[in-house]
C-alpha atoms as a PDB file:
ATOM      1  CA  MET A   1      35.465  12.243 -30.381  1.00  0.00           C
ATOM      2  CA  ARG A   2      33.402  15.383 -29.677  1.00  0.00           C
ATOM      3  CA  VAL A   3      30.260  13.668 -31.045  1.00  0.00           C
ATOM      4  CA  LEU A   4      30.854  10.635 -28.807  1.00  0.00           C
ATOM      5  CA  ARG A   5      31.182  12.904 -25.749  1.00  0.00           C
ATOM      6  CA  SER A   6      27.948  14.714 -26.646  1.00  0.00           C
ATOM      7  CA  VAL A   7      26.071  11.442 -27.088  1.00  0.00           C
ATOM      8  CA  LEU A   8      27.459  10.077 -23.821  1.00  0.00           C
ATOM      9  CA  ALA A   9      26.638  13.302 -21.931  1.00  0.00           C
ATOM     10  CA  GLY A  10      23.103  13.340 -23.358  1.00  0.00           C
ATOM     11  CA  THR A  11      22.554   9.707 -22.395  1.00  0.00           C
ATOM     12  CA  LEU A  12      23.776  10.303 -18.835  1.00  0.00           C
ATOM     13  CA  LEU A  13      21.531  13.367 -18.517  1.00  0.00           C
ATOM     14  CA  ALA A  14      18.495  11.356 -19.692  1.00  0.00           C
ATOM     15  CA  ILE A  15      19.239   8.570 -17.213  1.00  0.00           C
ATOM     16  CA  ALA A  16      19.647  11.067 -14.362  1.00  0.00           C
ATOM     17  CA  ALA A  17      16.419  12.862 -15.271  1.00  0.00           C
ATOM     18  CA  ALA A  18      14.496   9.591 -15.335  1.00  0.00           C
ATOM     19  CA  ALA A  19      15.919   8.580 -11.965  1.00  0.00           C
ATOM     20  CA  VAL A  20      14.952  11.909 -10.367  1.00  0.00           C
ATOM     21  CA  GLY A  21      11.326  11.557 -11.478  1.00  0.00           C
ATOM     22  CA  ALA A  22      10.846   8.024 -10.171  1.00  0.00           C
ATOM     23  CA  PRO A  23      10.142   7.422  -6.490  1.00  0.00           C
ATOM     24  CA  PRO A  24      12.737   5.296  -4.730  1.00  0.00           C
ATOM     25  CA  ALA A  25      11.909   1.613  -4.483  1.00  0.00           C
ATOM     26  CA  PRO A  26      11.599  -0.030  -1.081  1.00  0.00           C
ATOM     27  CA  PRO A  27      14.552  -2.229  -0.103  1.00  0.00           C
ATOM     28  CA  ALA A  28      14.819  -5.654  -1.725  1.00  0.00           C
ATOM     29  CA  GLY A  29      12.925  -8.231   0.297  1.00  0.00           C
ATOM     30  CA  VAL A  30       9.929  -6.004   1.039  1.00  0.00           C
ATOM     31  CA  ARG A  31       6.657  -7.352  -0.305  1.00  0.00           C
ATOM     32  CA  ILE A  32       2.900  -7.433   0.192  1.00  0.00           C
ATOM     33  CA  GLU A  33       1.253 -10.822   0.770  1.00  0.00           C
ATOM     34  CA  HIS A  34      -2.311 -12.033   1.359  1.00  0.00           C
ATOM     35  CA  ALA A  35      -3.819  -8.743   0.195  1.00  0.00           C
ATOM     36  CA  TRP A  36      -7.597  -8.303   0.012  1.00  0.00           C
ATOM     37  CA  ILE A  37     -10.374  -5.760   0.296  1.00  0.00           C
ATOM     38  CA  ARG A  38     -13.607  -6.320   2.230  1.00  0.00           C
ATOM     39  CA  TRP A  39     -16.289  -4.842  -0.009  1.00  0.00           C
ATOM     40  CA  LEU A  40     -19.301  -3.116   1.554  1.00  0.00           C
ATOM     41  CA  PRO A  41     -22.509  -2.190  -0.297  1.00  0.00           C
ATOM     42  CA  ALA A  42     -24.155   1.207  -0.821  1.00  0.00           C
ATOM     43  CA  SER A  43     -20.950   3.187  -1.370  1.00  0.00           C
ATOM     44  CA  LEU A  44     -19.789   2.497   2.185  1.00  0.00           C
ATOM     45  CA  PRO A  45     -16.024   2.674   2.767  1.00  0.00           C
ATOM     46  CA  ALA A  46     -14.140  -0.570   2.207  1.00  0.00           C
ATOM     47  CA  ALA A  47     -11.301  -1.940   4.313  1.00  0.00           C
ATOM     48  CA  ALA A  48      -8.060  -3.270   2.853  1.00  0.00           C
ATOM     49  CA  TYR A  49      -5.924  -5.870   4.572  1.00  0.00           C
ATOM     50  CA  ALA A  50      -2.551  -7.473   3.817  1.00  0.00           C
ATOM     51  CA  GLU A  51       0.634  -8.727   5.358  1.00  0.00           C
ATOM     52  CA  ILE A  52       3.670  -6.506   4.856  1.00  0.00           C
ATOM     53  CA  VAL A  53       6.844  -8.594   4.822  1.00  0.00           C
ATOM     54  CA  ASN A  54      10.146  -6.845   5.488  1.00  0.00           C
ATOM     55  CA  ASP A  55      13.014  -9.284   4.954  1.00  0.00           C
ATOM     56  CA  SER A  56      15.425  -6.345   4.600  1.00  0.00           C
ATOM     57  CA  ALA A  57      17.826  -5.049   7.268  1.00  0.00           C
ATOM     58  CA  ALA A  58      16.097  -1.646   7.331  1.00  0.00           C
ATOM     59  CA  ASN A  59      13.210  -0.575   9.545  1.00  0.00           C
ATOM     60  CA  LEU A  60      10.385   0.803   7.412  1.00  0.00           C
ATOM     61  CA  ARG A  61       7.504   3.162   8.083  1.00  0.00           C
ATOM     62  CA  ILE A  62       4.294   3.094   6.034  1.00  0.00           C
ATOM     63  CA  THR A  63       3.086   6.694   5.875  1.00  0.00           C
ATOM     64  CA  GLY A  64       0.133   6.404   3.529  1.00  0.00           C
ATOM     65  CA  ALA A  65      -1.577   4.624   0.692  1.00  0.00           C
ATOM     66  CA  SER A  66      -3.359   5.393  -2.541  1.00  0.00           C
ATOM     67  CA  SER A  67      -5.421   3.653  -5.182  1.00  0.00           C
ATOM     68  CA  PRO A  68      -6.725   4.808  -8.554  1.00  0.00           C
ATOM     69  CA  ALA A  69      -9.993   3.024  -7.660  1.00  0.00           C
ATOM     70  CA  TYR A  70     -10.610   5.156  -4.550  1.00  0.00           C
ATOM     71  CA  GLY A  71     -10.463   8.894  -3.958  1.00  0.00           C
ATOM     72  CA  MET A  72      -9.187   8.425  -0.421  1.00  0.00           C
ATOM     73  CA  ALA A  73      -7.063   5.802   1.337  1.00  0.00           C
ATOM     74  CA  MET A  74      -6.230   6.231   5.022  1.00  0.00           C
ATOM     75  CA  LEU A  75      -4.268   4.240   7.581  1.00  0.00           C
ATOM     76  CA  HIS A  76      -6.503   3.220  10.491  1.00  0.00           C
ATOM     77  CA  HIS A  77      -6.211   1.224  13.697  1.00  0.00           C
ATOM     78  CA  SER A  78      -9.085  -0.581  15.422  1.00  0.00           C
ATOM     79  CA  ARG A  79      -8.913  -1.802  18.974  1.00  0.00           C
ATOM     80  CA  LEU A  80     -11.154  -3.250  21.616  1.00  0.00           C
ATOM     81  CA  ALA A  81     -10.830  -1.621  25.041  1.00  0.00           C
ATOM     82  CA  HIS A  82     -13.168  -2.044  28.008  1.00  0.00           C
ATOM     83  CA  GLY A  83     -15.772  -3.700  25.800  1.00  0.00           C
ATOM     84  CA  ASP A  84     -15.824  -0.809  23.308  1.00  0.00           C
ATOM     85  CA  SER A  85     -14.481  -1.051  19.801  1.00  0.00           C
ATOM     86  CA  THR A  86     -12.788   2.096  18.525  1.00  0.00           C
ATOM     87  CA  MET A  87     -11.215   3.023  15.213  1.00  0.00           C
ATOM     88  CA  GLU A  88      -8.864   5.925  14.655  1.00  0.00           C
ATOM     89  CA  MET A  89      -6.926   7.345  11.758  1.00  0.00           C
ATOM     90  CA  ILE A  90      -3.157   7.069  12.241  1.00  0.00           C
ATOM     91  CA  ASP A  91      -0.250   8.658  10.405  1.00  0.00           C
ATOM     92  CA  HIS A  92       2.057   5.638  10.111  1.00  0.00           C
ATOM     93  CA  VAL A  93       2.629   1.941  10.684  1.00  0.00           C
ATOM     94  CA  ASP A  94       6.150   0.736  11.482  1.00  0.00           C
ATOM     95  CA  VAL A  95       7.485  -2.447   9.875  1.00  0.00           C
ATOM     96  CA  PRO A  96      10.656  -3.549  11.693  1.00  0.00           C
ATOM     97  CA  ALA A  97      13.567  -5.126   9.844  1.00  0.00           C
ATOM     98  CA  HIS A  98      13.215  -8.900   9.360  1.00  0.00           C
ATOM     99  CA  ALA A  99       9.569  -8.807  10.503  1.00  0.00           C
ATOM    100  CA  ARG A 100       5.990  -8.978   9.272  1.00  0.00           C
ATOM    101  CA  VAL A 101       3.145  -6.616  10.078  1.00  0.00           C
ATOM    102  CA  LYS A 102      -0.449  -7.613   9.444  1.00  0.00           C
ATOM    103  CA  LEU A 103      -3.115  -5.224   8.298  1.00  0.00           C
ATOM    104  CA  ALA A 104      -6.061  -7.284   9.552  1.00  0.00           C
ATOM    105  CA  PRO A 105      -9.631  -6.962  10.835  1.00  0.00           C
ATOM    106  CA  GLY A 106      -9.572  -5.666  14.394  1.00  0.00           C
ATOM    107  CA  GLY A 107      -6.146  -4.024  14.005  1.00  0.00           C
ATOM    108  CA  TYR A 108      -4.233  -1.960  11.475  1.00  0.00           C
ATOM    109  CA  HIS A 109      -5.947  -1.598   8.102  1.00  0.00           C
ATOM    110  CA  LEU A 110      -6.561   0.764   5.203  1.00  0.00           C
ATOM    111  CA  MET A 111      -9.899   2.548   4.898  1.00  0.00           C
ATOM    112  CA  LEU A 112     -10.807   3.110   1.258  1.00  0.00           C
ATOM    113  CA  SER A 113     -13.558   5.587   0.419  1.00  0.00           C
ATOM    114  CA  HIS A 114     -14.980   7.580  -2.487  1.00  0.00           C
ATOM    115  CA  ALA A 115     -14.748   4.836  -5.125  1.00  0.00           C
ATOM    116  CA  THR A 116     -13.898   6.283  -8.536  1.00  0.00           C
ATOM    117  CA  ARG A 117     -15.734   3.470 -10.330  1.00  0.00           C
ATOM    118  CA  SER A 118     -18.164   0.702  -9.546  1.00  0.00           C
ATOM    119  CA  ILE A 119     -16.369  -1.907  -7.438  1.00  0.00           C
ATOM    120  CA  LYS A 120     -17.769  -5.324  -6.588  1.00  0.00           C
ATOM    121  CA  PRO A 121     -16.624  -8.696  -5.259  1.00  0.00           C
ATOM    122  CA  GLY A 122     -14.489 -10.459  -7.851  1.00  0.00           C
ATOM    123  CA  ASP A 123     -12.738  -7.251  -8.930  1.00  0.00           C
ATOM    124  CA  THR A 124      -9.053  -6.571  -8.349  1.00  0.00           C
ATOM    125  CA  VAL A 125      -7.885  -3.146  -7.187  1.00  0.00           C
ATOM    126  CA  LYS A 126      -4.354  -1.765  -7.308  1.00  0.00           C
ATOM    127  CA  VAL A 127      -3.228  -0.260  -3.999  1.00  0.00           C
ATOM    128  CA  THR A 128       0.087   1.508  -3.451  1.00  0.00           C
ATOM    129  CA  LEU A 129       1.684   1.702  -0.024  1.00  0.00           C
ATOM    130  CA  GLU A 130       3.797   4.807   0.574  1.00  0.00           C
ATOM    131  CA  PHE A 131       6.861   4.686   2.828  1.00  0.00           C
ATOM    132  CA  ALA A 132       8.847   7.357   4.659  1.00  0.00           C
ATOM    133  CA  GLY A 133      11.558   8.572   2.307  1.00  0.00           C
ATOM    134  CA  GLY A 134       9.257   8.376  -0.713  1.00  0.00           C
ATOM    135  CA  ALA A 135       9.473   4.670  -1.601  1.00  0.00           C
ATOM    136  CA  LYS A 136       6.279   3.084  -2.929  1.00  0.00           C
ATOM    137  CA  LEU A 137       5.141  -0.503  -3.312  1.00  0.00           C
ATOM    138  CA  GLN A 138       2.080  -1.526  -5.347  1.00  0.00           C
ATOM    139  CA  ALA A 139       0.058  -4.733  -5.178  1.00  0.00           C
ATOM    140  CA  ASP A 140      -3.180  -6.169  -6.507  1.00  0.00           C
ATOM    141  CA  PHE A 141      -5.903  -6.496  -3.861  1.00  0.00           C
ATOM    142  CA  PRO A 142      -8.770  -8.853  -4.746  1.00  0.00           C
ATOM    143  CA  VAL A 143     -12.202  -7.591  -3.664  1.00  0.00           C
ATOM    144  CA  LEU A 144     -14.078 -10.083  -1.498  1.00  0.00           C
ATOM    145  CA  PRO A 145     -17.679 -10.006  -0.223  1.00  0.00           C
ATOM    146  CA  ALA A 146     -18.611  -8.351   3.070  1.00  0.00           C
ATOM    147  CA  ASN A 147     -18.824 -11.704   4.870  1.00  0.00           C
ATOM    148  CA  ALA A 148     -15.329 -12.836   3.806  1.00  0.00           C
ATOM    149  CA  SER A 149     -12.603 -13.372   6.360  1.00  0.00           C
ATOM    150  CA  GLY A 150      -9.703 -13.207   3.912  1.00  0.00           C
ATOM    151  CA  PRO A 151      -8.408 -14.833   0.754  1.00  0.00           C
ATOM    152  CA  SER A 152      -8.194 -18.595   0.635  1.00  0.00           C
ATOM    153  CA  HIS A 153      -4.620 -19.816   0.418  1.00  0.00           C
END
């Protein structure tokens, strides 16, 4: 009986330790669709676009992003005002419950810079979105040429 308790206690401790080390998952029903990266030549920063679908009942906040293929990933917002186009770094993008938010040219997007390897059209890059509360969601982003307007569906 004492051996069984020790085995059970050890198993529970291992499960708890594994759970503590893993970031929480976003709620069920949250996914990334239509992801892609617009590649630019000469080591220029690339832009990543996608549609974030939140079919859950919880409001979500994207607070950052990362990719092993890039040294830096930042949330940005572009807008056209009074004939001038501006782009600014932002600290979050809200994704309301039961809604979709597009990261698209001319709006919210990810700026990817300092490539850690040679990246070219035809490649696929893993990008992880980071949410308030520590949840993370990873997706494959195909790399398209500079003149692309998105993935074909």
